[in-house]
Amino acid sequence: MNAHLAMNTKMPMKIAPTLEKDITPDGSDYEVVRRAIEKISLDYRDQPSLEALAEDVGETPTGLQKLFTRWAGLSPKAFLQAVTLDHARRLLDSGMPLLETSLEVGMSGPGRLHDLFVTHEAMSPGDYKTRGEGLTIRYGYHISPFGVALIMVTDRGLAGLAFNDAGSEQAAFRDMSSRWPNASYVEDISATAPYAARIFDPARWRSDQPLRVVMIGSDFQLRVWEALLRIPMGKACTYSAIAAEIGQPTASRAVGAAVGANPLSFVVPCHRALGKSGALTGYHWGLTRKRAILGWEAGQLSAGAASKY
């Protein structure tokens, strides 16, 4: 298991990024789904009806049901049950794994699921100190199930993955490139497209063909990110539990900062880290997107169980 990052600071010459439109057929669904998730997140205590959700997002109830289920693998109601704060707290308090859907989503039992199999390596402390000087990162923008994904790669593997909404690609690039200000950046969608296709297709999550990633960070950050990689899909871990796992039981706040600085969103599953109470605390790319990812993962669990029976 190992991960990598590469860079050398020169801002890209292009102002408008190239955006690949058809990495996933679900890409066009995300904007409507995002608004539905926002409604669910704000009104979850009232258990909003399908009709209320549909009216809020400008869809018919039938249309929203079909679109949402196609995107998440779950109905809006099942998604609400899976990711509300009260639900998350109940699962944690009872000792159940977060998003365990065998009872909560009406499944007959948990199925075998394929998580993202990742082999990772860390760049040397020297590379970290020079902030990527002498390294080249190729990047591209791709439609994903969670909005536009900015993907960065080096010759050693995936180096960065960030999310943004359409129109804010340059802001996402500035955020990511500022982490490695001395790297050289080249927009190259042909280099990043295979990663986009692989990352967001669960059928291609195979242990015999692991995804190669490279991580660059401080020793503390690397230990936190490696701990995140050990959290399986469908489960969650609190910052304090991660701190204890890496041998720093009093460093929950620092763990939270390291989780927030994770440059490999989704692949290194920082969305599975929760606050002490079990609350779905902040996410660098937006709390609605965090809920969306958790709900999408619940859908993958549901699909895995359904295929077993």
Protein backbone atom coordinates (compact mmCIF):
# COMPACT_ATOMS: atom_id res chain seq x y z
CA MET A 1 0.00 0.00 0.00
CA ASN A 2 1.46 3.34 -1.00
CA ALA A 3 0.57 6.90 -2.38
CA HIS A 4 2.15 9.90 -4.33
CA LEU A 5 1.91 13.57 -5.36
CA ALA A 6 3.93 15.64 -7.79
CA MET A 7 4.24 19.36 -8.57
CA ASN A 8 6.16 22.55 -9.55
CA THR A 9 4.40 25.92 -9.38
CA LYS A 10 3.42 27.60 -12.52
CA MET A 11 -0.22 28.49 -12.92
CA PRO A 12 -1.82 27.01 -16.04
CA MET A 13 -1.83 29.08 -19.20
CA LYS A 14 -5.49 28.33 -19.96
CA ILE A 15 -8.08 30.43 -18.19
CA ALA A 16 -11.06 28.22 -19.04
CA PRO A 17 -10.50 24.55 -18.16
CA THR A 18 -11.28 21.71 -20.50
CA LEU A 19 -14.14 19.71 -19.04
CA GLU A 20 -14.82 16.15 -20.10
CA LYS A 21 -18.59 15.80 -20.32
CA ASP A 22 -19.21 12.09 -20.37
CA ILE A 23 -17.05 10.40 -17.76
CA THR A 24 -20.22 9.18 -16.08
CA PRO A 25 -23.85 9.13 -17.22
CA ASP A 26 -24.76 10.30 -13.71
CA GLY A 27 -23.00 13.63 -14.10
CA SER A 28 -26.06 15.53 -15.30
CA ASP A 29 -28.06 14.33 -12.30
CA TYR A 30 -25.94 15.87 -9.58
CA GLU A 31 -27.30 19.44 -9.64
CA VAL A 32 -30.89 18.28 -9.05
CA VAL A 33 -29.75 15.70 -6.52
CA ARG A 34 -27.65 18.32 -4.72
CA ARG A 35 -30.69 20.56 -4.24
CA ALA A 36 -32.76 17.62 -3.02
CA ILE A 37 -30.04 16.70 -0.53
CA GLU A 38 -29.91 20.30 0.71
CA LYS A 39 -33.66 20.17 1.33
CA ILE A 40 -33.33 16.85 3.13
CA SER A 41 -30.42 18.20 5.22
CA LEU A 42 -32.33 21.31 6.30
CA ASP A 43 -35.67 19.64 6.96
CA TYR A 44 -34.71 16.11 7.99
CA ARG A 45 -36.49 16.38 11.36
CA ASP A 46 -39.75 16.96 9.47
CA GLN A 47 -39.10 13.96 7.21
CA PRO A 48 -40.01 15.87 4.02
CA SER A 49 -42.24 13.96 1.62
CA LEU A 50 -41.28 13.07 -1.92
CA GLU A 51 -43.86 15.59 -3.12
CA ALA A 52 -42.29 18.39 -1.07
CA LEU A 53 -38.81 17.53 -2.29
CA ALA A 54 -39.97 17.39 -5.90
CA GLU A 55 -41.68 20.78 -5.67
CA ASP A 56 -38.56 22.32 -4.14
CA VAL A 57 -36.29 21.15 -6.97
CA GLY A 58 -38.78 21.68 -9.81
CA GLU A 59 -39.35 18.02 -10.65
CA THR A 60 -42.39 15.76 -10.60
CA PRO A 61 -42.44 13.26 -7.72
CA THR A 62 -42.06 10.37 -10.18
CA GLY A 63 -39.26 12.13 -12.03
CA LEU A 64 -37.35 12.90 -8.85
CA GLN A 65 -37.81 9.37 -7.53
CA LYS A 66 -36.38 7.89 -10.71
CA LEU A 67 -33.55 10.41 -11.06
CA PHE A 68 -32.48 10.20 -7.42
CA THR A 69 -32.61 6.41 -7.37
CA ARG A 70 -30.61 6.21 -10.61
CA TRP A 71 -27.97 8.48 -9.08
CA ALA A 72 -27.75 7.09 -5.54
CA GLY A 73 -29.13 3.58 -5.77
CA LEU A 74 -31.52 4.67 -3.00
CA SER A 75 -34.85 6.46 -2.95
CA PRO A 76 -34.91 9.97 -1.44
CA LYS A 77 -36.64 8.53 1.64
CA ALA A 78 -34.01 5.81 2.12
CA PHE A 79 -31.27 8.37 1.60
CA LEU A 80 -32.82 10.57 4.29
CA GLN A 81 -32.87 7.62 6.67
CA ALA A 82 -29.24 6.83 5.91
CA VAL A 83 -27.56 10.18 6.48
CA THR A 84 -29.47 12.43 8.91
CA LEU A 85 -27.61 13.41 12.04
CA ASP A 86 -30.05 11.66 14.34
CA HIS A 87 -29.69 8.48 12.34
CA ALA A 88 -25.90 8.70 12.42
CA ARG A 89 -25.96 9.21 16.16
CA ARG A 90 -28.31 6.28 16.71
CA LEU A 91 -26.04 3.98 14.74
CA LEU A 92 -22.95 5.10 16.60
CA ASP A 93 -24.63 4.95 20.01
CA SER A 94 -25.84 1.42 19.35
CA GLY A 95 -22.44 0.29 18.15
CA MET A 96 -23.62 -0.25 14.57
CA PRO A 97 -21.43 0.87 11.66
CA LEU A 98 -22.53 4.12 10.04
CA LEU A 99 -24.78 3.57 7.01
CA GLU A 100 -25.31 -0.10 7.88
CA THR A 101 -28.40 -0.64 5.79
CA SER A 102 -29.41 -4.22 6.54
CA LEU A 103 -32.36 -3.01 8.64
CA GLU A 104 -32.38 0.73 8.14
CA VAL A 105 -32.83 0.59 4.37
CA GLY A 106 -34.98 -2.53 4.27
CA MET A 107 -32.31 -4.95 3.10
CA SER A 108 -32.38 -8.59 4.12
CA GLY A 109 -28.74 -8.49 5.08
CA PRO A 110 -25.48 -6.70 4.39
CA GLY A 111 -23.83 -7.75 1.14
CA ARG A 112 -20.26 -8.08 0.06
CA LEU A 113 -19.04 -4.76 -1.25
CA HIS A 114 -16.06 -3.62 -3.24
CA ASP A 115 -14.38 -0.59 -1.75
CA LEU A 116 -11.73 1.47 -3.50
CA PHE A 117 -8.62 -0.69 -3.37
CA VAL A 118 -5.69 1.70 -3.11
CA THR A 119 -1.96 1.21 -3.12
CA HIS A 120 -0.25 4.29 -1.78
CA GLU A 121 3.16 5.70 -1.24
CA ALA A 122 4.35 8.91 0.35
CA MET A 123 6.74 11.39 -1.17
CA SER A 124 9.95 11.95 0.70
CA PRO A 125 10.21 14.55 3.48
CA GLY A 126 12.54 16.47 1.15
CA ASP A 127 9.87 16.69 -1.55
CA TYR A 128 7.39 17.88 1.06
CA LYS A 129 9.74 20.59 2.28
CA THR A 130 10.43 21.89 -1.22
CA ARG A 131 6.65 21.98 -1.87
CA GLY A 132 6.97 19.96 -5.07
CA GLU A 133 9.86 21.79 -6.70
CA GLY A 134 11.03 19.97 -9.83
CA LEU A 135 7.88 17.86 -10.09
CA THR A 136 5.18 17.98 -12.76
CA ILE A 137 1.46 17.49 -12.12
CA ARG A 138 -0.96 16.88 -14.95
CA TYR A 139 -4.54 17.86 -14.27
CA GLY A 140 -8.00 17.76 -15.81
CA TYR A 141 -11.64 18.46 -14.97
CA HIS A 142 -14.19 15.64 -15.22
CA ILE A 143 -17.88 15.17 -14.58
CA SER A 144 -18.40 12.91 -11.56
CA PRO A 145 -21.39 11.76 -9.50
CA PHE A 146 -20.57 14.61 -7.10
CA GLY A 147 -20.16 17.55 -9.46
CA VAL A 148 -17.01 18.54 -11.32
CA ALA A 149 -13.91 16.66 -10.18
CA LEU A 150 -10.44 18.17 -10.52
CA ILE A 151 -7.99 15.29 -10.88
CA MET A 152 -4.22 15.66 -10.60
CA VAL A 153 -1.73 12.94 -11.49
CA THR A 154 2.00 12.35 -11.65
CA ASP A 155 3.99 9.58 -13.25
CA ARG A 156 3.67 7.71 -9.95
CA GLY A 157 -0.12 7.85 -9.69
CA LEU A 158 -3.06 9.95 -8.54
CA ALA A 159 -1.86 13.02 -6.65
CA GLY A 160 -5.00 15.06 -6.04
CA LEU A 161 -8.77 14.91 -6.29
CA ALA A 162 -10.99 17.90 -5.51
CA PHE A 163 -14.63 18.74 -6.17
CA ASN A 164 -16.33 21.90 -7.30
CA ASP A 165 -19.55 23.10 -8.84
CA ALA A 166 -19.67 24.14 -12.49
CA GLY A 167 -18.09 27.56 -12.94
CA SER A 168 -15.76 27.36 -9.94
CA GLU A 169 -13.07 25.18 -11.53
CA GLN A 170 -10.38 27.83 -11.21
CA ALA A 171 -11.09 28.30 -7.50
CA ALA A 172 -10.63 24.57 -6.97
CA PHE A 173 -7.39 24.67 -8.94
CA ARG A 174 -6.05 27.57 -6.88
CA ASP A 175 -6.89 25.73 -3.68
CA MET A 176 -5.13 22.55 -4.78
CA SER A 177 -2.10 24.13 -6.44
CA SER A 178 -1.45 26.34 -3.42
CA ARG A 179 -0.67 23.19 -1.45
CA TRP A 180 2.32 22.49 -3.70
CA PRO A 181 3.30 25.98 -4.89
CA ASN A 182 6.59 24.99 -6.50
CA ALA A 183 5.21 22.28 -8.76
CA SER A 184 4.78 22.60 -12.51
CA TYR A 185 1.19 22.13 -13.73
CA VAL A 186 0.11 20.95 -17.17
CA GLU A 187 -3.54 20.60 -18.19
CA ASP A 188 -3.78 17.14 -19.77
CA ILE A 189 -7.22 15.55 -19.76
CA SER A 190 -5.92 12.51 -21.62
CA ALA A 191 -3.69 11.71 -18.63
CA THR A 192 -6.42 12.20 -16.02
CA ALA A 193 -9.42 10.66 -17.82
CA PRO A 194 -8.45 7.03 -17.06
CA TYR A 195 -8.31 7.90 -13.36
CA ALA A 196 -11.73 9.58 -13.46
CA ALA A 197 -13.27 6.58 -15.18
CA ARG A 198 -11.71 4.21 -12.68
CA ILE A 199 -12.37 6.12 -9.45
CA PHE A 200 -16.11 6.59 -9.92
CA ASP A 201 -16.96 3.14 -11.29
CA PRO A 202 -17.39 0.61 -8.45
CA ALA A 203 -17.22 -2.24 -10.95
CA ARG A 204 -13.55 -1.33 -11.43
CA TRP A 205 -12.62 -1.33 -7.74
CA ARG A 206 -10.47 -4.46 -7.76
CA SER A 207 -7.87 -5.64 -5.28
CA ASP A 208 -5.87 -7.29 -8.06
CA GLN A 209 -5.64 -3.96 -9.90
CA PRO A 210 -5.20 -1.40 -7.11
CA LEU A 211 -5.43 2.32 -7.76
CA ARG A 212 -2.01 3.91 -7.41
CA VAL A 213 -1.97 7.13 -5.41
CA VAL A 214 0.80 9.29 -4.02
CA MET A 215 0.45 11.43 -0.90
CA ILE A 216 2.48 14.45 0.06
CA GLY A 217 2.18 15.90 3.53
CA SER A 218 3.76 16.07 6.95
CA ASP A 219 4.41 12.85 8.85
CA PHE A 220 1.36 13.54 11.02
CA GLN A 221 -0.89 14.19 8.02
CA LEU A 222 0.28 11.01 6.30
CA ARG A 223 -0.56 8.93 9.35
CA VAL A 224 -4.03 10.44 9.52
CA TRP A 225 -4.65 9.86 5.79
CA GLU A 226 -3.46 6.27 6.06
CA ALA A 227 -5.88 5.77 8.97
CA LEU A 228 -8.69 7.12 6.77
CA LEU A 229 -7.84 4.53 4.12
CA ARG A 230 -8.52 1.82 6.69
CA ILE A 231 -12.15 2.91 7.22
CA PRO A 232 -14.32 0.62 5.06
CA MET A 233 -17.22 1.89 3.01
CA GLY A 234 -20.37 1.90 5.10
CA LYS A 235 -18.52 2.63 8.32
CA ALA A 236 -17.26 5.79 9.97
CA CYS A 237 -14.73 6.87 12.54
CA THR A 238 -14.56 9.85 14.88
CA TYR A 239 -11.62 12.22 14.98
CA SER A 240 -10.85 11.08 18.51
CA ALA A 241 -10.79 7.42 17.43
CA ILE A 242 -8.41 8.25 14.59
CA ALA A 243 -6.21 10.17 17.03
CA ALA A 244 -6.07 7.14 19.31
CA GLU A 245 -5.31 4.83 16.38
CA ILE A 246 -2.26 6.84 15.33
CA GLY A 247 -0.98 7.04 18.90
CA GLN A 248 -1.94 10.67 19.52
CA PRO A 249 -5.05 10.37 21.73
CA THR A 250 -5.11 14.05 22.68
CA ALA A 251 -4.74 15.31 19.11
CA SER A 252 -8.37 15.23 17.94
CA ARG A 253 -8.27 18.85 16.81
CA ALA A 254 -5.07 18.31 14.83
CA VAL A 255 -6.59 15.18 13.30
CA GLY A 256 -9.55 17.26 12.17
CA ALA A 257 -7.18 19.73 10.49
CA ALA A 258 -5.33 16.91 8.74
CA VAL A 259 -8.60 15.39 7.57
CA GLY A 260 -9.60 18.78 6.14
CA ALA A 261 -6.27 19.06 4.32
CA ASN A 262 -6.64 15.68 2.59
CA PRO A 263 -5.74 16.26 -1.10
CA LEU A 264 -7.30 13.01 -2.29
CA SER A 265 -10.99 13.49 -1.59
CA PHE A 266 -13.22 10.43 -1.94
CA VAL A 267 -10.27 8.10 -2.61
CA VAL A 268 -8.84 8.80 0.85
CA PRO A 269 -12.27 8.80 2.51
CA CYS A 270 -12.22 11.87 4.72
CA HIS A 271 -16.02 11.95 4.31
CA ARG A 272 -16.16 8.96 6.70
CA ALA A 273 -14.69 11.00 9.57
CA LEU A 274 -17.25 12.30 12.08
CA GLY A 275 -17.32 14.59 15.09
CA LYS A 276 -17.29 13.11 18.58
CA SER A 277 -21.11 13.17 18.81
CA GLY A 278 -21.48 11.34 15.51
CA ALA A 279 -22.42 14.56 13.72
CA LEU A 280 -21.61 14.85 10.02
CA THR A 281 -19.19 17.70 10.64
CA GLY A 282 -17.68 19.97 8.01
CA TYR A 283 -16.16 18.84 4.74
CA HIS A 284 -13.69 20.87 2.71
CA TRP A 285 -15.82 20.53 -0.42
CA GLY A 286 -19.14 21.23 1.30
CA LEU A 287 -21.30 19.39 3.82
CA THR A 288 -23.99 18.72 1.21
CA ARG A 289 -21.40 16.95 -0.93
CA LYS A 290 -20.30 14.92 2.10
CA ARG A 291 -23.89 13.78 2.62
CA ALA A 292 -24.13 13.03 -1.09
CA ILE A 293 -21.04 10.82 -1.02
CA LEU A 294 -22.22 8.94 2.09
CA GLY A 295 -25.62 8.40 0.52
CA TRP A 296 -24.08 7.24 -2.74
CA GLU A 297 -21.97 4.76 -0.79
CA ALA A 298 -25.10 3.52 0.97
CA GLY A 299 -26.53 2.91 -2.50
CA GLN A 300 -23.49 0.84 -3.44
CA LEU A 301 -23.98 -1.23 -0.29
CA SER A 302 -27.62 -1.72 -1.17
CA ALA A 303 -26.76 -2.77 -4.73
CA GLY A 304 -24.12 -5.18 -3.44
CA ALA A 305 -26.61 -6.81 -1.10
CA ALA A 306 -29.30 -7.02 -3.77
CA SER A 307 -26.93 -8.79 -6.17
CA LYS A 308 -26.19 -11.40 -3.53
CA TYR A 309 -29.78 -12.54 -3.09
